Amino acid sequence: MSADYQTLGGMSHAFEKQQATQRRSKWIVVSSLLGLLVLIAAGVAVGIIVSKNNSTSSSTSNSTTTTKSNSTDPSVFTKDSKLHVSFYGMAYTPEGSLMPDCGNSLENVIQDIQLLSQLTTRIRLYGADCNQSALVLEAIKQTKVDIKVYLGNYVVADDSAAYERQRETIKEAILTYGTDNVAGVTVGNEFMLNYVTAHSATSANDAIAAKGAAILLANIQDTRDMLTEIGADGVIQVGNSDAGSFFNTEVLSAVDYGLSNVHPWFANTTAEAAAAWVFNFFDETNVQPAAALSNTPKMYIAETGWPTASSDTANANNGGSDASLDSLQIFLDTFVCQANENNVPYFYFELVDEKWKDEVYGGVEGWWGLFNDDRTLKISQFPTVHPPEQLYIHALFVTNSMKYYSGIWTF
């Protein structure tokens, strides 16, 4: 749901509306980690490291959560007892990171990273302009927090210089900060959706769309070449992000992962039914098709969330539920808990409200944050089911490799 880094564009949501009446299917549920460990323990010696869930806590709506940090050491900061790591990942763009009016700062990014580290261990960026890749990695370095980043290159169809400029800043950031905190580089965000819409194509896989896909394919290969050049190929994955119904098959066949924007608000669901709609849509439209490809790219939900307000009454209700704090709480309590329990990878949208989106687009555009733009907390309570952390298994006698496939651990 990011804007074009050169030409601002509104949120695209045709894919959700097209799927609003789609039949529901059974969600693929991850095999229980406990069951997995029992099976392994029965035949082999196993060493396991699993992080424990934090104790549950409640937050107070509109309570101050601005992080206080040591002025000389950003790694020393006061952690808010109301916050805990409940989210698999968060979508994030440093404030002031849109060309040509770059206005971000390391100080502000450090404050955001301190806050994000209390909510998740993963973030995804949309683009690389305004030096945001380096700012985020520098903030992680200074705060010494456990966060992995999916860097982003926002591809513009008629501006190859934008891709090249961002590629070079990503390359420089990786050379400067190394690969420890970089999980991937995402090439393109809703590129095919924008291309299909602009060229009146009938789908993301027709002859017209193929011309747009060729741009992405060239950029994806170029990104892989860049990573190979700096010795990071195979260490840092390459992916693509798009609206859920607009992935091009050739593009998806060329990447390691796909990030799918799945917004129930624009599917006109109720807040109560939103989580089920997201899981069904993601499974049918993204997980199953990706599993059928020879490269089996791992699919993530790139954006999902619920707005808390609208700047005009016409958009205050989606036909099912209001844009409100109560509806947000319902969505969090259902989606986040179920996604964490079932090991569904997602990046929640988003950390804070964005004033500029409200000023430019109106409606619900600027009101998707868990926090207000001054970093005060909106919601009354965070979900208490934490995402499963990485499981390390050291088995002396296991001959088959362990693989994560479509949400299920297999051997």
Protein backbone atom coordinates (compact mmCIF):
# COMPACT_ATOMS: atom_id res chain seq x y z
CA MET A 1 0.00 0.00 0.00
CA SER A 2 2.98 2.28 -0.59
CA ALA A 3 2.97 5.23 -2.94
CA ASP A 4 5.00 5.38 -6.13
CA TYR A 5 8.40 6.78 -5.19
CA GLN A 6 8.21 9.16 -8.13
CA THR A 7 4.50 9.65 -8.76
CA LEU A 8 2.25 9.20 -5.75
CA GLY A 9 -0.59 6.73 -6.25
CA GLY A 10 -3.55 5.71 -4.11
CA MET A 11 -4.03 2.32 -2.52
CA SER A 12 -4.91 -0.37 -5.04
CA HIS A 13 -7.50 -2.85 -3.93
CA ALA A 14 -9.24 -4.25 -6.98
CA PHE A 15 -7.93 -7.72 -6.21
CA GLU A 16 -9.64 -7.90 -2.85
CA LYS A 17 -12.96 -6.73 -4.29
CA GLN A 18 -12.77 -9.32 -7.04
CA GLN A 19 -12.33 -12.04 -4.45
CA ALA A 20 -14.94 -10.86 -1.92
CA THR A 21 -17.40 -13.61 -2.87
CA GLN A 22 -14.81 -16.28 -3.54
CA ARG A 23 -15.62 -19.64 -1.99
CA ARG A 24 -13.98 -20.52 1.25
CA SER A 25 -11.51 -23.35 1.38
CA LYS A 26 -9.83 -25.19 4.16
CA TRP A 27 -6.71 -23.40 5.35
CA ILE A 28 -3.52 -25.36 5.27
CA VAL A 29 -2.46 -25.58 8.89
CA VAL A 30 1.12 -26.04 9.92
CA SER A 31 1.98 -29.29 11.64
CA SER A 32 2.35 -28.87 15.37
CA LEU A 33 5.89 -28.12 16.43
CA LEU A 34 5.32 -30.27 19.48
CA GLY A 35 4.31 -33.20 17.31
CA LEU A 36 7.36 -32.60 15.15
CA LEU A 37 9.67 -32.76 18.12
CA VAL A 38 8.05 -35.96 19.37
CA LEU A 39 8.59 -37.65 16.01
CA ILE A 40 12.22 -36.61 15.87
CA ALA A 41 12.91 -37.55 19.48
CA ALA A 42 11.58 -41.04 18.84
CA GLY A 43 14.36 -41.83 16.38
CA VAL A 44 17.24 -39.43 16.84
CA ALA A 45 19.07 -37.26 19.30
CA VAL A 46 17.84 -33.72 18.95
CA GLY A 47 19.03 -30.36 20.17
CA ILE A 48 16.42 -27.68 20.18
CA ILE A 49 16.43 -23.99 20.77
CA VAL A 50 13.03 -22.37 20.90
CA SER A 51 12.31 -18.96 22.32
CA LYS A 52 9.68 -18.83 25.03
CA ASN A 53 6.60 -16.69 24.88
CA ASN A 54 6.67 -13.54 26.90
CA SER A 55 4.13 -13.11 29.64
CA THR A 56 0.89 -11.47 28.55
CA SER A 57 0.21 -7.84 29.20
CA SER A 58 -2.37 -5.23 28.38
CA SER A 59 -1.94 -1.75 26.99
CA THR A 60 -3.95 1.34 27.56
CA SER A 61 -5.49 3.12 24.59
CA ASN A 62 -3.77 6.44 23.80
CA SER A 63 -1.11 5.78 26.46
CA THR A 64 2.30 7.29 25.85
CA THR A 65 4.73 4.75 24.41
CA THR A 66 7.49 7.01 23.16
CA THR A 67 10.73 5.12 23.82
CA LYS A 68 13.27 6.84 26.05
CA SER A 69 16.84 6.08 25.19
CA ASN A 70 20.31 6.83 26.48
CA SER A 71 21.55 9.89 24.59
CA THR A 72 24.95 8.34 24.00
CA ASP A 73 23.98 4.68 23.56
CA PRO A 74 20.79 3.87 21.59
CA SER A 75 21.06 0.24 22.66
CA VAL A 76 20.12 1.34 26.17
CA PHE A 77 16.46 2.29 26.04
CA THR A 78 13.41 1.91 28.22
CA LYS A 79 11.18 -0.91 27.03
CA ASP A 80 7.44 -0.45 27.38
CA SER A 81 5.96 -3.19 29.56
CA LYS A 82 2.73 -2.97 27.56
CA LEU A 83 4.48 -4.16 24.40
CA HIS A 84 5.74 -7.61 23.48
CA VAL A 85 6.78 -9.42 20.33
CA SER A 86 3.39 -10.50 19.00
CA PHE A 87 3.84 -9.93 15.27
CA TYR A 88 5.62 -12.12 12.73
CA GLY A 89 6.67 -8.99 10.85
CA MET A 90 5.77 -5.34 10.27
CA ALA A 91 5.57 -3.25 7.11
CA TYR A 92 7.65 -0.11 7.59
CA THR A 93 8.74 3.00 5.74
CA PRO A 94 10.77 5.62 7.62
CA GLU A 95 8.91 8.91 7.74
CA GLY A 96 10.19 11.31 5.07
CA SER A 97 11.43 8.68 2.62
CA LEU A 98 9.61 9.74 -0.55
CA MET A 99 11.49 11.35 -3.42
CA PRO A 100 12.12 14.14 -4.08
CA ASP A 101 11.33 15.48 -0.60
CA CYS A 102 13.58 13.31 1.55
CA GLY A 103 13.18 14.30 5.17
CA ASN A 104 14.02 11.20 7.17
CA SER A 105 16.65 11.17 9.90
CA LEU A 106 18.72 8.59 11.75
CA GLU A 107 17.41 9.87 15.07
CA ASN A 108 13.79 9.19 14.10
CA VAL A 109 14.59 5.81 12.55
CA ILE A 110 16.41 4.77 15.72
CA GLN A 111 13.31 5.61 17.76
CA ASP A 112 11.15 3.56 15.39
CA ILE A 113 13.53 0.60 15.46
CA GLN A 114 13.53 0.68 19.25
CA LEU A 115 9.73 0.54 19.13
CA LEU A 116 9.59 -2.09 16.39
CA SER A 117 12.00 -4.34 18.28
CA GLN A 118 9.38 -4.62 21.03
CA LEU A 119 6.79 -5.86 18.51
CA THR A 120 8.58 -8.05 15.95
CA THR A 121 11.86 -9.48 14.71
CA ARG A 122 11.21 -8.75 11.01
CA ILE A 123 10.40 -5.69 8.93
CA ARG A 124 9.92 -5.10 5.22
CA LEU A 125 10.76 -1.92 3.34
CA TYR A 126 9.14 -0.82 0.08
CA GLY A 127 11.95 1.11 -1.58
CA ALA A 128 15.49 2.36 -1.11
CA ASP A 129 15.30 6.07 -1.92
CA CYS A 130 16.31 8.71 0.62
CA ASN A 131 18.99 6.34 1.97
CA GLN A 132 16.42 4.40 3.99
CA SER A 133 18.20 1.03 3.66
CA ALA A 134 21.35 2.38 5.30
CA LEU A 135 19.39 4.34 7.91
CA VAL A 136 17.47 1.25 9.01
CA LEU A 137 20.56 -0.96 9.12
CA GLU A 138 22.54 1.70 10.99
CA ALA A 139 19.68 2.03 13.50
CA ILE A 140 19.67 -1.74 14.03
CA LYS A 141 23.45 -1.65 14.50
CA GLN A 142 23.29 1.12 17.08
CA THR A 143 20.33 -0.29 19.00
CA LYS A 144 21.72 -3.86 18.85
CA VAL A 145 18.23 -5.31 18.46
CA ASP A 146 17.21 -8.59 16.84
CA ILE A 147 15.57 -7.48 13.60
CA LYS A 148 15.96 -8.87 10.09
CA VAL A 149 15.10 -6.61 7.15
CA TYR A 150 13.64 -7.30 3.73
CA LEU A 151 15.05 -4.40 1.74
CA GLY A 152 13.00 -3.07 -1.16
CA ASN A 153 13.49 -1.64 -4.65
CA TYR A 154 10.38 0.21 -5.83
CA VAL A 155 10.30 -0.37 -9.59
CA VAL A 156 8.71 2.25 -11.86
CA ALA A 157 7.76 1.07 -15.36
CA ASP A 158 8.85 4.17 -17.26
CA ASP A 159 11.85 5.08 -15.12
CA SER A 160 14.73 2.60 -15.25
CA ALA A 161 16.93 5.15 -13.50
CA ALA A 162 14.79 4.76 -10.36
CA TYR A 163 15.54 1.03 -10.22
CA GLU A 164 19.26 1.57 -10.88
CA ARG A 165 19.53 4.33 -8.27
CA GLN A 166 17.92 2.15 -5.61
CA ARG A 167 19.97 -0.91 -6.59
CA GLU A 168 23.17 1.03 -5.99
CA THR A 169 22.04 2.30 -2.58
CA ILE A 170 21.02 -1.25 -1.59
CA LYS A 171 24.38 -2.56 -2.77
CA GLU A 172 26.24 0.11 -0.80
CA ALA A 173 24.17 -0.59 2.33
CA ILE A 174 24.91 -4.33 2.17
CA LEU A 175 28.62 -3.70 1.61
CA THR A 176 28.64 -1.34 4.58
CA TYR A 177 26.57 -3.34 7.06
CA GLY A 178 26.95 -6.92 5.86
CA THR A 179 24.28 -9.57 5.48
CA ASP A 180 23.53 -10.51 9.09
CA ASN A 181 20.41 -8.35 9.30
CA VAL A 182 19.31 -8.57 5.66
CA ALA A 183 16.86 -11.37 4.89
CA GLY A 184 15.98 -10.42 1.34
CA VAL A 185 15.70 -7.82 -1.40
CA THR A 186 12.18 -7.35 -2.77
CA VAL A 187 12.14 -6.14 -6.37
CA GLY A 188 8.89 -4.31 -7.15
CA ASN A 189 5.81 -3.51 -5.11
CA GLU A 190 2.39 -3.77 -6.82
CA PHE A 191 4.22 -3.27 -10.10
CA MET A 192 2.06 -5.72 -12.05
CA LEU A 193 -1.15 -4.32 -10.58
CA ASN A 194 -0.14 -0.82 -11.65
CA TYR A 195 1.05 -2.00 -15.08
CA VAL A 196 -2.07 -4.03 -15.79
CA THR A 197 -4.30 -1.15 -14.74
CA ALA A 198 -2.38 1.47 -16.71
CA HIS A 199 -2.33 -0.63 -19.90
CA SER A 200 -5.89 -2.00 -19.67
CA ALA A 201 -4.69 -5.59 -19.61
CA THR A 202 -7.18 -8.31 -18.72
CA SER A 203 -4.91 -10.12 -16.25
CA ALA A 204 -1.38 -10.22 -14.89
CA ASN A 205 -0.58 -13.05 -17.30
CA ASP A 206 -1.89 -11.90 -20.67
CA ALA A 207 0.20 -10.66 -23.61
CA ILE A 208 0.06 -7.03 -22.51
CA ALA A 209 1.07 -7.85 -18.95
CA ALA A 210 3.98 -9.93 -20.27
CA LYS A 211 5.69 -6.70 -21.35
CA GLY A 212 5.51 -5.42 -17.79
CA ALA A 213 6.69 -8.75 -16.44
CA ALA A 214 9.73 -8.54 -18.72
CA ILE A 215 10.78 -5.34 -16.92
CA LEU A 216 10.54 -7.05 -13.55
CA LEU A 217 12.32 -10.18 -14.76
CA ALA A 218 15.26 -8.13 -16.02
CA ASN A 219 15.45 -6.23 -12.73
CA ILE A 220 15.23 -9.43 -10.68
CA GLN A 221 18.08 -11.00 -12.63
CA ASP A 222 20.09 -7.80 -12.34
CA THR A 223 19.56 -7.84 -8.57
CA ARG A 224 20.77 -11.43 -8.41
CA ASP A 225 23.84 -10.45 -10.44
CA MET A 226 24.52 -7.59 -8.03
CA LEU A 227 24.28 -9.91 -5.04
CA THR A 228 26.62 -12.39 -6.73
CA GLU A 229 29.08 -9.61 -7.39
CA ILE A 230 29.30 -8.73 -3.70
CA GLY A 231 29.31 -12.34 -2.52
CA ALA A 232 25.75 -12.30 -1.12
CA ASP A 233 24.01 -14.55 -3.64
CA GLY A 234 22.45 -17.47 -1.82
CA VAL A 235 22.75 -15.60 1.48
CA ILE A 236 20.20 -12.89 0.68
CA GLN A 237 17.02 -13.99 -1.07
CA VAL A 238 15.35 -12.11 -3.92
CA GLY A 239 11.58 -11.66 -4.00
CA ASN A 240 8.67 -9.75 -5.47
CA SER A 241 5.65 -8.06 -3.90
CA ASP A 242 2.27 -7.43 -5.47
CA ALA A 243 -1.45 -7.30 -4.90
CA GLY A 244 -2.71 -10.78 -4.16
CA SER A 245 -4.47 -11.38 -7.47
CA PHE A 246 -1.81 -9.78 -9.66
CA PHE A 247 1.24 -12.01 -9.46
CA ASN A 248 2.68 -12.85 -12.84
CA THR A 249 3.57 -16.54 -13.08
CA GLU A 250 6.88 -15.95 -14.86
CA VAL A 251 7.91 -13.40 -12.25
CA LEU A 252 6.93 -15.68 -9.38
CA SER A 253 8.90 -18.48 -11.03
CA ALA A 254 12.01 -16.31 -10.94
CA VAL A 255 12.04 -15.38 -7.23
CA ASP A 256 12.70 -17.01 -3.88
CA TYR A 257 9.65 -15.50 -2.20
CA GLY A 258 6.48 -13.56 -2.89
CA LEU A 259 4.89 -10.87 -0.73
CA SER A 260 1.12 -10.61 -1.19
CA ASN A 261 -0.99 -7.60 -0.17
CA VAL A 262 -4.26 -8.95 1.28
CA HIS A 263 -6.64 -6.34 2.75
CA PRO A 264 -10.01 -7.57 4.04
CA TRP A 265 -11.28 -4.00 4.44
CA PHE A 266 -11.50 -3.65 0.66
CA ALA A 267 -13.25 -7.00 0.32
CA ASN A 268 -16.18 -5.52 2.27
CA THR A 269 -15.97 -8.13 5.00
CA THR A 270 -16.92 -7.61 8.62
CA ALA A 271 -14.17 -7.30 11.19
CA GLU A 272 -15.31 -10.60 12.67
CA ALA A 273 -15.01 -12.42 9.33
CA ALA A 274 -11.87 -10.62 8.15
CA ALA A 275 -9.28 -13.10 9.45
CA ALA A 276 -10.97 -16.08 7.80
CA TRP A 277 -11.25 -14.15 4.54
CA VAL A 278 -7.53 -13.31 4.59
CA PHE A 279 -6.49 -16.91 5.23
CA ASN A 280 -8.79 -18.31 2.52
CA PHE A 281 -7.76 -15.74 -0.05
CA PHE A 282 -4.05 -16.15 0.67
CA ASP A 283 -4.22 -19.93 0.54
CA GLU A 284 -6.27 -20.21 -2.65
CA THR A 285 -4.77 -17.29 -4.57
CA ASN A 286 -1.13 -17.37 -3.48
CA VAL A 287 0.02 -20.39 -1.46
CA GLN A 288 -1.45 -23.12 -3.63
CA PRO A 289 -0.39 -21.64 -7.01
CA ALA A 290 3.14 -20.97 -5.70
CA ALA A 291 3.44 -24.54 -4.43
CA ALA A 292 2.69 -25.79 -7.95
CA LEU A 293 5.68 -23.94 -9.44
CA SER A 294 8.98 -25.73 -9.87
CA ASN A 295 10.85 -23.24 -7.66
CA THR A 296 8.13 -23.31 -4.93
CA PRO A 297 8.66 -19.70 -3.77
CA LYS A 298 7.69 -19.10 -0.16
CA MET A 299 4.65 -16.85 0.10
CA TYR A 300 4.16 -14.19 2.75
CA ILE A 301 1.27 -11.86 3.46
CA ALA A 302 2.96 -8.55 2.72
CA GLU A 303 0.24 -6.25 4.06
CA THR A 304 -2.89 -6.80 6.07
CA GLY A 305 -4.58 -4.65 8.68
CA TRP A 306 -7.65 -2.62 9.57
CA PRO A 307 -8.14 1.18 9.55
CA THR A 308 -9.27 2.98 12.69
CA ALA A 309 -10.81 6.10 11.15
CA SER A 310 -11.79 7.85 7.94
CA SER A 311 -11.43 11.48 6.99
CA ASP A 312 -14.88 11.43 5.42
CA THR A 313 -18.11 9.69 6.38
CA ALA A 314 -18.50 8.05 2.97
CA ASN A 315 -15.53 5.77 3.68
CA ALA A 316 -16.10 5.24 7.39
CA ASN A 317 -17.73 1.83 6.78
CA ASN A 318 -16.73 -0.76 4.19
CA GLY A 319 -20.19 -2.27 3.98
CA GLY A 320 -19.42 -4.73 6.74
CA SER A 321 -17.80 -2.92 9.66
CA ASP A 322 -16.60 0.52 10.68
CA ALA A 323 -13.10 1.89 10.46
CA SER A 324 -12.69 2.01 14.22
CA LEU A 325 -10.57 1.03 17.20
CA ASP A 326 -13.08 -1.67 18.15
CA SER A 327 -12.88 -3.25 14.69
CA LEU A 328 -9.07 -3.11 14.74
CA GLN A 329 -9.05 -4.89 18.09
CA ILE A 330 -11.31 -7.63 16.73
CA PHE A 331 -9.07 -8.12 13.70
CA LEU A 332 -5.92 -8.25 15.83
CA ASP A 333 -7.44 -10.73 18.29
CA THR A 334 -8.51 -13.06 15.48
CA PHE A 335 -6.00 -12.70 12.65
CA VAL A 336 -2.76 -12.28 14.59
CA CYS A 337 -3.47 -15.08 17.04
CA GLN A 338 -4.56 -17.54 14.34
CA ALA A 339 -1.70 -16.63 12.01
CA ASN A 340 0.85 -17.09 14.79
CA GLU A 341 -0.67 -20.38 15.92
CA ASN A 342 -0.69 -21.74 12.35
CA ASN A 343 2.73 -20.38 11.35
CA VAL A 344 1.37 -18.15 8.59
CA PRO A 345 4.09 -15.59 7.72
CA TYR A 346 2.83 -12.00 7.48
CA PHE A 347 3.88 -8.37 7.74
CA TYR A 348 1.30 -6.32 9.59
CA PHE A 349 0.26 -3.00 8.08
CA GLU A 350 1.24 -0.80 9.78
CA LEU A 351 3.21 0.71 12.67
CA VAL A 352 1.92 4.30 12.78
CA ASP A 353 -0.64 6.53 11.06
CA GLU A 354 0.74 8.51 8.13
CA LYS A 355 -0.47 12.11 7.90
CA TRP A 356 0.73 12.65 4.36
CA LYS A 357 -1.50 9.87 3.04
CA ASP A 358 -4.52 11.42 4.69
CA GLU A 359 -3.64 14.81 3.23
CA VAL A 360 -3.13 13.43 -0.28
CA TYR A 361 -5.82 10.73 -0.50
CA GLY A 362 -8.26 11.18 2.37
CA GLY A 363 -10.66 8.41 3.37
CA VAL A 364 -9.01 5.64 5.41
CA GLU A 365 -5.60 5.98 3.76
CA GLY A 366 -3.80 7.62 6.66
CA TRP A 367 -5.32 5.63 9.51
CA TRP A 368 -3.88 2.10 9.51
CA GLY A 369 -1.38 2.41 12.33
CA LEU A 370 -1.25 0.52 15.61
CA PHE A 371 0.04 3.84 16.93
CA ASN A 372 -0.95 7.42 16.26
CA ASP A 373 1.60 9.48 14.35
CA ASP A 374 3.00 10.74 17.68
CA ARG A 375 3.72 7.09 18.64
CA THR A 376 0.98 6.87 21.26
CA LEU A 377 -0.70 3.48 21.34
CA LYS A 378 -4.22 3.18 19.93
CA ILE A 379 -5.37 -0.25 21.00
CA SER A 380 -6.43 -1.55 24.41
CA GLN A 381 -4.69 -4.93 24.23
CA PHE A 382 -2.09 -6.76 22.18
CA PRO A 383 -2.58 -10.37 21.07
CA THR A 384 -0.93 -12.81 23.46
CA VAL A 385 0.00 -15.62 21.05
CA HIS A 386 3.53 -15.03 19.82
CA PRO A 387 4.89 -16.07 16.42
CA PRO A 388 7.05 -19.21 16.49
CA GLU A 389 10.71 -18.32 16.45
CA GLN A 390 13.16 -20.18 14.29
CA LEU A 391 13.59 -23.80 15.28
CA TYR A 392 17.09 -25.22 15.24
CA ILE A 393 17.33 -28.98 14.98
CA HIS A 394 20.62 -30.83 15.17
CA ALA A 395 20.05 -34.51 14.48
CA LEU A 396 23.01 -36.85 14.16
CA PHE A 397 21.20 -39.55 12.24
CA VAL A 398 18.68 -37.69 10.06
CA THR A 399 19.58 -38.29 6.44
CA ASN A 400 16.75 -36.39 4.75
CA SER A 401 16.89 -32.61 4.82
CA MET A 402 14.21 -30.60 6.57
CA LYS A 403 12.19 -28.29 4.38
CA TYR A 404 9.50 -25.65 4.89
CA TYR A 405 6.86 -26.14 2.22
CA SER A 406 3.55 -24.27 1.96
CA GLY A 407 3.24 -23.82 5.71
CA ILE A 408 4.18 -27.41 6.63
CA TRP A 409 7.47 -28.77 7.95
CA THR A 410 8.39 -31.93 6.03
CA PHE A 411 11.32 -34.35 5.98
